[in-house]
Amino acid sequence: MSIGRYSWRAQDPRTGRGRVGAVIGAFLLVSAFSPHTLANPLPLKDEPVQGWPELQIETHYVARIAMRGYCFPVPAGTPIPDTSLDSCARPDFWRGICNIFIDVRSMRRVELREHEERRCRGHDHRDDDLLAEAWRAWRERGENRYADMLDFATMMFVLEPLTE
């Protein structure tokens, strides 16, 4: 199958014959043992944070670099760190929503979405209290800890030229 000059079939440059089976086999072998397919969500606490509000959940399937940017914001000009995580949840108490960002390559992993939905319902990881601290900061000081990291207005694409 081809579209214009581009072919969807890999060919051996010496013989001109297709190598689709070899290419698919190599892809499956590499993806089966890649770290991102082996990563499992961290275990969660059984009970949600005391007093956690009900937040509307919005799930976004994004490119890995975008997911890392949403999940690990860094100062401008600083490289975004790589991670073995494939998803994250970012509660926004002021707007009453919780954004879930999942690497588009992991969109079929239902356990990731379910894990992050539980995070949006206030379940901290077993070894930390990050959501409890974020909820306390919001109640005591109005600090919208994770939402302050997201500024969707500056991430929008401009489809028409700016006028002066």
Protein backbone atom coordinates (compact mmCIF):
# COMPACT_ATOMS: atom_id res chain seq x y z
CA MET A 1 0.00 0.00 0.00
CA SER A 2 1.35 3.41 -0.84
CA ILE A 3 0.26 7.00 -0.63
CA GLY A 4 1.94 9.20 -3.20
CA ARG A 5 5.68 8.52 -2.97
CA TYR A 6 5.48 6.95 0.49
CA SER A 7 5.11 3.22 0.99
CA TRP A 8 3.85 1.44 4.09
CA ARG A 9 5.86 -1.65 3.16
CA ALA A 10 9.50 -1.99 4.17
CA GLN A 11 11.68 -3.20 1.32
CA ASP A 12 15.09 -4.74 1.11
CA PRO A 13 17.16 -2.18 -0.88
CA ARG A 14 19.21 -4.96 -2.56
CA THR A 15 16.35 -7.13 -3.81
CA GLY A 16 13.38 -4.74 -3.74
CA ARG A 17 11.29 -7.41 -1.99
CA GLY A 18 9.20 -6.65 1.07
CA ARG A 19 10.36 -7.33 4.63
CA VAL A 20 7.12 -6.54 6.45
CA GLY A 21 7.24 -9.67 8.61
CA ALA A 22 10.79 -8.98 9.79
CA VAL A 23 10.02 -5.35 10.55
CA ILE A 24 6.86 -6.22 12.51
CA GLY A 25 8.68 -9.00 14.39
CA ALA A 26 11.53 -6.65 15.36
CA PHE A 27 9.05 -3.97 16.49
CA LEU A 28 7.12 -6.45 18.65
CA LEU A 29 10.33 -7.80 20.19
CA VAL A 30 11.64 -4.32 21.05
CA SER A 31 8.30 -3.07 22.39
CA ALA A 32 7.75 -6.20 24.47
CA PHE A 33 10.92 -5.55 26.45
CA SER A 34 10.95 -1.75 26.50
CA PRO A 35 10.83 -0.23 30.00
CA HIS A 36 7.67 1.77 29.34
CA THR A 37 5.61 -1.38 28.70
CA LEU A 38 6.91 -3.01 31.88
CA ALA A 39 6.29 -0.02 34.15
CA ASN A 40 3.38 -0.49 36.54
CA PRO A 41 1.59 2.24 38.46
CA LEU A 42 2.80 2.74 42.03
CA PRO A 43 0.51 1.24 44.69
CA LEU A 44 -2.10 3.57 46.18
CA LYS A 45 -3.41 3.99 49.70
CA ASP A 46 -6.75 2.29 50.41
CA GLU A 47 -8.51 5.45 51.61
CA PRO A 48 -8.63 8.89 49.93
CA VAL A 49 -7.33 12.02 51.61
CA GLN A 50 -9.76 13.19 54.32
CA GLY A 51 -12.18 15.82 52.97
CA TRP A 52 -11.00 15.46 49.34
CA PRO A 53 -13.47 17.22 47.00
CA GLU A 54 -15.23 15.59 44.08
CA LEU A 55 -13.41 16.74 40.94
CA GLN A 56 -14.50 16.38 37.32
CA ILE A 57 -11.97 14.12 35.60
CA GLU A 58 -10.60 15.08 32.18
CA THR A 59 -8.32 12.56 30.47
CA HIS A 60 -5.79 13.68 27.84
CA TYR A 61 -3.79 11.27 25.67
CA VAL A 62 -0.71 13.19 24.60
CA ALA A 63 2.74 12.61 23.09
CA ARG A 64 5.33 11.42 25.60
CA ILE A 65 7.26 14.71 25.57
CA ALA A 66 4.03 16.60 26.28
CA MET A 67 3.08 14.17 29.06
CA ARG A 68 6.50 14.67 30.65
CA GLY A 69 6.07 18.44 30.33
CA TYR A 70 2.66 18.39 32.02
CA CYS A 71 3.79 15.96 34.72
CA PHE A 72 7.24 17.46 35.44
CA PRO A 73 7.19 21.20 34.70
CA VAL A 74 10.64 22.80 34.65
CA PRO A 75 11.86 26.38 34.18
CA ALA A 76 12.06 27.62 30.59
CA GLY A 77 15.21 26.47 28.82
CA THR A 78 15.69 23.48 31.13
CA PRO A 79 15.44 20.00 29.59
CA ILE A 80 12.37 18.03 30.65
CA PRO A 81 13.55 14.98 32.62
CA ASP A 82 12.94 11.50 31.23
CA THR A 83 10.84 9.19 33.36
CA SER A 84 9.61 5.62 33.46
CA LEU A 85 6.12 6.88 34.33
CA ASP A 86 3.50 6.88 31.58
CA SER A 87 0.83 9.02 33.22
CA CYS A 88 0.00 11.54 35.93
CA ALA A 89 -2.97 13.29 37.53
CA ARG A 90 -3.06 17.04 38.23
CA PRO A 91 -5.89 18.27 40.48
CA ASP A 92 -7.14 21.84 40.01
CA PHE A 93 -9.18 22.70 43.10
CA TRP A 94 -10.16 26.18 41.93
CA ARG A 95 -11.69 24.93 38.67
CA GLY A 96 -12.99 21.70 40.26
CA ILE A 97 -11.33 19.42 37.75
CA CYS A 98 -8.53 16.89 37.69
CA ASN A 99 -6.48 16.53 34.49
CA ILE A 100 -5.05 13.12 33.67
CA PHE A 101 -2.19 13.01 31.17
CA ILE A 102 -1.36 9.64 29.61
CA ASP A 103 1.38 8.91 27.09
CA VAL A 104 -0.48 8.15 23.85
CA ARG A 105 1.65 5.01 23.45
CA SER A 106 0.01 3.69 26.63
CA MET A 107 -3.58 4.56 25.77
CA ARG A 108 -4.64 0.89 25.74
CA ARG A 109 -3.38 0.34 29.29
CA VAL A 110 -6.64 0.59 31.19
CA GLU A 111 -4.84 0.16 34.53
CA LEU A 112 -3.05 3.50 34.02
CA ARG A 113 -6.29 5.38 33.47
CA GLU A 114 -7.95 3.65 36.42
CA HIS A 115 -4.91 4.39 38.62
CA GLU A 116 -4.96 8.10 37.73
CA GLU A 117 -8.74 8.28 38.21
CA ARG A 118 -8.22 7.01 41.76
CA ARG A 119 -5.56 9.70 42.19
CA CYS A 120 -8.13 12.27 41.06
CA ARG A 121 -10.43 10.91 43.76
CA GLY A 122 -7.77 11.67 46.39
CA HIS A 123 -5.81 8.43 46.76
CA ASP A 124 -2.14 9.15 47.52
CA HIS A 125 0.65 6.73 46.67
CA ARG A 126 1.43 4.45 49.61
CA ASP A 127 4.83 6.03 50.17
CA ASP A 128 3.90 9.72 49.94
CA ASP A 129 1.37 12.35 50.97
CA LEU A 130 1.67 14.70 47.99
CA LEU A 131 -2.07 14.96 47.36
CA ALA A 132 -2.78 15.43 51.09
CA GLU A 133 -0.20 18.24 51.15
CA ALA A 134 -1.69 19.83 48.01
CA TRP A 135 -5.22 19.69 49.54
CA ARG A 136 -3.96 21.19 52.82
CA ALA A 137 -2.13 23.99 50.92
CA TRP A 138 -5.34 24.80 49.03
CA ARG A 139 -7.50 24.89 52.16
CA GLU A 140 -5.04 26.90 54.27
CA ARG A 141 -3.46 29.28 51.74
CA GLY A 142 -5.44 28.98 48.51
CA GLU A 143 -2.37 27.51 46.81
CA ASN A 144 -3.53 25.54 43.77
CA ARG A 145 -0.30 23.55 43.74
CA TYR A 146 -0.60 21.37 40.62
CA ALA A 147 -2.93 23.57 38.60
CA ASP A 148 -0.50 26.49 38.87
CA MET A 149 1.86 24.39 36.76
CA LEU A 150 -0.60 24.30 33.86
CA ASP A 151 -1.33 27.29 31.72
CA PHE A 152 -3.41 25.99 28.84
CA ALA A 153 -3.77 29.42 27.22
CA THR A 154 -0.04 29.55 26.43
CA MET A 155 -0.06 25.99 25.06
CA MET A 156 -2.66 26.64 22.37
CA PHE A 157 -1.64 26.70 18.73
CA VAL A 158 -2.29 29.90 16.81
CA LEU A 159 -3.92 28.99 13.50
CA GLU A 160 -4.03 32.44 12.00
CA PRO A 161 -1.42 35.18 11.84
CA LEU A 162 -1.32 37.73 14.61
CA THR A 163 -2.41 41.24 13.62
CA GLU A 164 -0.98 44.38 15.07
